Amino acid sequence: MKQKFEEELWKNKIYIPVESVNSKGKKHEKIISLESEIKKGHILFNVDNRAYNNQVKDYNKFAKHDDAPDSLYGAVQLLQRMKKLKFFDRNLLF
């Protein structure tokens, strides 16, 4: 997957390093651990990305499709490892 992603980036003249990620632990427990952060509003969703949002919202232990919540967990973990986050006024985006 990493190689295909890198190839697509290069085709689009985007030259950034890509790190592979090896997931460890129980997926269900990791995904469920996001629930409190979502309820607190610490994790925001793009209202236009309905398929992704529904996959996260409808997730359960027996869900057929769990790529969205799994990727969300990975993104949250990457952000938590960053030493310093820079926040911008969301109104600047629109």
N, C-alpha and C. Protein backbone atom coordinates (compact mmCIF):
# COMPACT_ATOMS: atom_id res chain seq x y z
N MET A 1 0.83 -1.19 0.00
CA MET A 1 0.00 0.00 0.00
C MET A 1 0.87 1.25 0.00
N LYS A 2 1.94 1.22 0.80
CA LYS A 2 2.83 2.37 0.86
C LYS A 2 3.41 2.68 -0.52
N GLN A 3 3.85 1.64 -1.23
CA GLN A 3 4.45 1.84 -2.54
C GLN A 3 3.46 2.45 -3.53
N LYS A 4 2.23 1.96 -3.53
CA LYS A 4 1.22 2.50 -4.45
C LYS A 4 0.93 3.97 -4.12
N PHE A 5 0.87 4.28 -2.84
CA PHE A 5 0.61 5.65 -2.41
C PHE A 5 1.76 6.56 -2.87
N GLU A 6 3.00 6.10 -2.68
CA GLU A 6 4.15 6.89 -3.11
C GLU A 6 4.14 7.11 -4.62
N GLU A 7 3.80 6.07 -5.37
CA GLU A 7 3.74 6.20 -6.83
C GLU A 7 2.72 7.25 -7.26
N GLU A 8 1.55 7.25 -6.62
CA GLU A 8 0.53 8.23 -6.95
C GLU A 8 0.98 9.65 -6.60
N LEU A 9 1.64 9.79 -5.47
CA LEU A 9 2.17 11.10 -5.10
C LEU A 9 3.17 11.59 -6.14
N TRP A 10 4.09 10.73 -6.55
CA TRP A 10 5.10 11.12 -7.54
C TRP A 10 4.46 11.47 -8.87
N LYS A 11 3.43 10.72 -9.28
CA LYS A 11 2.73 11.03 -10.53
C LYS A 11 2.15 12.43 -10.49
N ASN A 12 1.73 12.85 -9.29
CA ASN A 12 1.14 14.18 -9.11
C ASN A 12 2.17 15.22 -8.67
N LYS A 13 3.45 14.85 -8.81
CA LYS A 13 4.57 15.74 -8.46
C LYS A 13 4.51 16.24 -7.03
N ILE A 14 4.14 15.33 -6.14
CA ILE A 14 4.13 15.63 -4.71
C ILE A 14 5.25 14.79 -4.09
N TYR A 15 6.27 15.46 -3.61
CA TYR A 15 7.46 14.76 -3.13
C TYR A 15 7.56 14.91 -1.60
N ILE A 16 6.87 14.04 -0.92
CA ILE A 16 6.92 14.04 0.55
C ILE A 16 7.21 12.61 1.01
N PRO A 17 7.87 12.49 2.15
CA PRO A 17 8.17 11.14 2.65
C PRO A 17 6.89 10.45 3.15
N VAL A 18 6.84 9.15 2.94
CA VAL A 18 5.71 8.34 3.40
C VAL A 18 6.25 7.28 4.34
N GLU A 19 5.71 7.22 5.52
CA GLU A 19 6.13 6.22 6.49
C GLU A 19 5.10 5.11 6.56
N SER A 20 5.56 3.89 6.64
CA SER A 20 4.63 2.78 6.80
C SER A 20 4.25 2.66 8.27
N VAL A 21 3.06 2.15 8.50
CA VAL A 21 2.55 2.01 9.86
C VAL A 21 2.17 0.55 10.07
N ASN A 22 2.67 0.01 11.16
CA ASN A 22 2.31 -1.36 11.53
C ASN A 22 1.37 -1.29 12.72
N SER A 23 0.16 -1.71 12.52
CA SER A 23 -0.85 -1.63 13.56
C SER A 23 -0.68 -2.78 14.55
N LYS A 24 -0.73 -2.44 15.82
CA LYS A 24 -0.61 -3.46 16.87
C LYS A 24 -1.78 -3.31 17.82
N GLY A 25 -2.21 -4.39 18.38
CA GLY A 25 -3.29 -4.34 19.37
C GLY A 25 -4.63 -4.70 18.75
N LYS A 26 -5.63 -4.65 19.59
CA LYS A 26 -6.98 -5.02 19.17
C LYS A 26 -7.68 -3.82 18.55
N LYS A 27 -8.07 -3.99 17.30
CA LYS A 27 -8.66 -2.89 16.54
C LYS A 27 -9.92 -2.35 17.20
N HIS A 28 -10.80 -3.21 17.64
CA HIS A 28 -12.07 -2.77 18.21
C HIS A 28 -11.84 -1.87 19.43
N GLU A 29 -10.97 -2.29 20.33
CA GLU A 29 -10.72 -1.50 21.53
C GLU A 29 -10.11 -0.14 21.19
N LYS A 30 -9.23 -0.13 20.18
CA LYS A 30 -8.61 1.14 19.77
C LYS A 30 -9.67 2.09 19.22
N ILE A 31 -10.53 1.58 18.38
CA ILE A 31 -11.56 2.42 17.76
C ILE A 31 -12.53 2.93 18.82
N ILE A 32 -12.96 2.07 19.71
CA ILE A 32 -13.89 2.46 20.77
C ILE A 32 -13.29 3.53 21.67
N SER A 33 -11.98 3.53 21.81
CA SER A 33 -11.33 4.53 22.67
C SER A 33 -11.51 5.96 22.15
N LEU A 34 -11.90 6.11 20.89
CA LEU A 34 -12.12 7.45 20.31
C LEU A 34 -13.47 8.04 20.71
N GLU A 35 -14.37 7.22 21.19
CA GLU A 35 -15.75 7.66 21.44
C GLU A 35 -15.83 8.89 22.35
N SER A 36 -15.08 8.89 23.44
CA SER A 36 -15.18 10.04 24.36
C SER A 36 -14.66 11.32 23.72
N GLU A 37 -13.61 11.22 22.92
CA GLU A 37 -13.07 12.40 22.25
C GLU A 37 -14.03 12.94 21.21
N ILE A 38 -14.75 12.05 20.55
CA ILE A 38 -15.76 12.47 19.58
C ILE A 38 -16.91 13.15 20.29
N LYS A 39 -17.38 12.56 21.39
CA LYS A 39 -18.51 13.13 22.14
C LYS A 39 -18.16 14.49 22.73
N LYS A 40 -16.91 14.67 23.13
CA LYS A 40 -16.48 15.95 23.70
C LYS A 40 -16.31 17.03 22.61
N GLY A 41 -16.34 16.61 21.35
CA GLY A 41 -16.16 17.57 20.26
C GLY A 41 -14.71 17.84 19.93
N HIS A 42 -13.80 17.01 20.44
CA HIS A 42 -12.38 17.20 20.16
C HIS A 42 -12.01 16.71 18.77
N ILE A 43 -12.85 15.85 18.21
CA ILE A 43 -12.65 15.35 16.85
C ILE A 43 -13.80 15.88 16.01
N LEU A 44 -13.45 16.63 14.98
CA LEU A 44 -14.46 17.24 14.12
C LEU A 44 -14.51 16.49 12.79
N PHE A 45 -15.66 16.50 12.17
CA PHE A 45 -15.87 15.79 10.91
C PHE A 45 -16.28 16.75 9.82
N ASN A 46 -15.89 16.43 8.61
CA ASN A 46 -16.29 17.19 7.43
C ASN A 46 -17.71 16.74 7.06
N VAL A 47 -18.67 17.64 7.15
CA VAL A 47 -20.07 17.28 6.90
C VAL A 47 -20.31 16.77 5.48
N ASP A 48 -19.44 17.13 4.55
CA ASP A 48 -19.60 16.70 3.16
C ASP A 48 -19.12 15.27 2.92
N ASN A 49 -18.39 14.70 3.85
CA ASN A 49 -17.85 13.36 3.67
C ASN A 49 -18.76 12.34 4.37
N ARG A 50 -19.95 12.19 3.83
CA ARG A 50 -20.98 11.37 4.47
C ARG A 50 -20.60 9.90 4.61
N ALA A 51 -19.99 9.34 3.59
CA ALA A 51 -19.64 7.91 3.64
C ALA A 51 -18.66 7.65 4.78
N TYR A 52 -17.65 8.49 4.90
CA TYR A 52 -16.67 8.35 5.98
C TYR A 52 -17.35 8.52 7.33
N ASN A 53 -18.12 9.60 7.46
CA ASN A 53 -18.79 9.89 8.72
C ASN A 53 -19.73 8.76 9.13
N ASN A 54 -20.49 8.23 8.18
CA ASN A 54 -21.42 7.14 8.51
C ASN A 54 -20.68 5.89 8.94
N GLN A 55 -19.55 5.63 8.33
CA GLN A 55 -18.78 4.45 8.72
C GLN A 55 -18.28 4.59 10.16
N VAL A 56 -17.89 5.79 10.54
CA VAL A 56 -17.45 6.03 11.93
C VAL A 56 -18.65 5.95 12.86
N LYS A 57 -19.73 6.64 12.49
CA LYS A 57 -20.93 6.70 13.34
C LYS A 57 -21.56 5.32 13.53
N ASP A 58 -21.59 4.53 12.49
CA ASP A 58 -22.26 3.23 12.54
C ASP A 58 -21.34 2.08 12.96
N TYR A 59 -20.12 2.40 13.35
CA TYR A 59 -19.17 1.35 13.70
C TYR A 59 -19.65 0.52 14.89
N ASN A 60 -19.46 -0.78 14.79
CA ASN A 60 -19.63 -1.69 15.92
C ASN A 60 -18.65 -2.83 15.73
N LYS A 61 -18.55 -3.67 16.71
CA LYS A 61 -17.55 -4.75 16.69
C LYS A 61 -17.68 -5.65 15.47
N PHE A 62 -18.88 -5.79 14.95
CA PHE A 62 -19.11 -6.70 13.83
C PHE A 62 -19.29 -5.98 12.49
N ALA A 63 -18.95 -4.71 12.44
CA ALA A 63 -19.11 -3.93 11.22
C ALA A 63 -18.24 -4.50 10.10
N LYS A 64 -18.82 -4.58 8.90
CA LYS A 64 -18.08 -5.07 7.74
C LYS A 64 -17.03 -4.05 7.30
N HIS A 65 -17.39 -2.79 7.38
CA HIS A 65 -16.52 -1.72 6.92
C HIS A 65 -16.01 -0.92 8.12
N ASP A 66 -14.72 -1.04 8.38
CA ASP A 66 -14.15 -0.33 9.53
C ASP A 66 -12.90 0.46 9.16
N ASP A 67 -12.69 0.69 7.88
CA ASP A 67 -11.50 1.43 7.46
C ASP A 67 -11.52 2.87 7.94
N ALA A 68 -12.68 3.51 7.89
CA ALA A 68 -12.76 4.92 8.32
C ALA A 68 -12.42 5.08 9.80
N PRO A 69 -13.09 4.35 10.70
CA PRO A 69 -12.74 4.53 12.11
C PRO A 69 -11.31 4.08 12.41
N ASP A 70 -10.82 3.09 11.71
CA ASP A 70 -9.45 2.63 11.92
C ASP A 70 -8.46 3.71 11.49
N SER A 71 -8.73 4.35 10.35
CA SER A 71 -7.84 5.42 9.89
C SER A 71 -7.92 6.63 10.82
N LEU A 72 -9.09 6.89 11.35
CA LEU A 72 -9.26 7.99 12.31
C LEU A 72 -8.41 7.75 13.54
N TYR A 73 -8.43 6.53 14.04
CA TYR A 73 -7.60 6.18 15.20
C TYR A 73 -6.13 6.43 14.88
N GLY A 74 -5.69 6.00 13.69
CA GLY A 74 -4.30 6.20 13.31
C GLY A 74 -3.93 7.67 13.23
N ALA A 75 -4.82 8.48 12.68
CA ALA A 75 -4.56 9.91 12.58
C ALA A 75 -4.46 10.55 13.96
N VAL A 76 -5.35 10.17 14.85
CA VAL A 76 -5.32 10.71 16.22
C VAL A 76 -4.01 10.34 16.90
N GLN A 77 -3.56 9.09 16.72
CA GLN A 77 -2.30 8.67 17.32
C GLN A 77 -1.12 9.48 16.79
N LEU A 78 -1.10 9.73 15.48
CA LEU A 78 -0.03 10.53 14.90
C LEU A 78 -0.03 11.95 15.47
N LEU A 79 -1.20 12.53 15.61
CA LEU A 79 -1.29 13.89 16.16
C LEU A 79 -0.85 13.93 17.61
N GLN A 80 -1.17 12.91 18.37
CA GLN A 80 -0.79 12.90 19.79
C GLN A 80 0.72 12.78 19.97
N ARG A 81 1.41 12.24 18.98
CA ARG A 81 2.87 12.12 19.07
C ARG A 81 3.59 13.40 18.70
N MET A 82 2.88 14.33 18.08
CA MET A 82 3.52 15.59 17.69
C MET A 82 3.83 16.39 18.94
N LYS A 83 4.97 17.07 18.92
CA LYS A 83 5.40 17.83 20.09
C LYS A 83 4.65 19.14 20.22
N LYS A 84 4.35 19.75 19.10
CA LYS A 84 3.68 21.05 19.15
C LYS A 84 2.66 21.12 18.02
N LEU A 85 1.45 21.46 18.38
CA LEU A 85 0.41 21.64 17.38
C LEU A 85 0.18 23.13 17.18
N LYS A 86 -0.08 23.50 15.96
CA LYS A 86 -0.38 24.89 15.66
C LYS A 86 -1.85 24.97 15.27
N PHE A 87 -2.59 25.80 15.94
CA PHE A 87 -4.01 25.94 15.67
C PHE A 87 -4.27 27.25 14.93
N PHE A 88 -5.20 27.19 14.02
CA PHE A 88 -5.57 28.36 13.24
C PHE A 88 -7.05 28.64 13.43
N ASP A 89 -7.42 29.86 13.21
CA ASP A 89 -8.83 30.25 13.28
C ASP A 89 -9.57 29.55 12.14
N ARG A 90 -10.58 28.73 12.47
CA ARG A 90 -11.31 27.97 11.46
C ARG A 90 -12.00 28.90 10.45
N ASN A 91 -12.29 30.13 10.83
CA ASN A 91 -12.95 31.07 9.92
C ASN A 91 -12.03 31.44 8.74
N LEU A 92 -10.72 31.24 8.90
CA LEU A 92 -9.80 31.52 7.80
C LEU A 92 -9.95 30.52 6.67
N LEU A 93 -10.55 29.36 6.95
CA LEU A 93 -10.71 28.33 5.94
C LEU A 93 -11.84 28.64 4.97
N PHE A 94 -12.74 29.50 5.36
CA PHE A 94 -13.94 29.73 4.55
C PHE A 94 -14.01 31.15 4.06
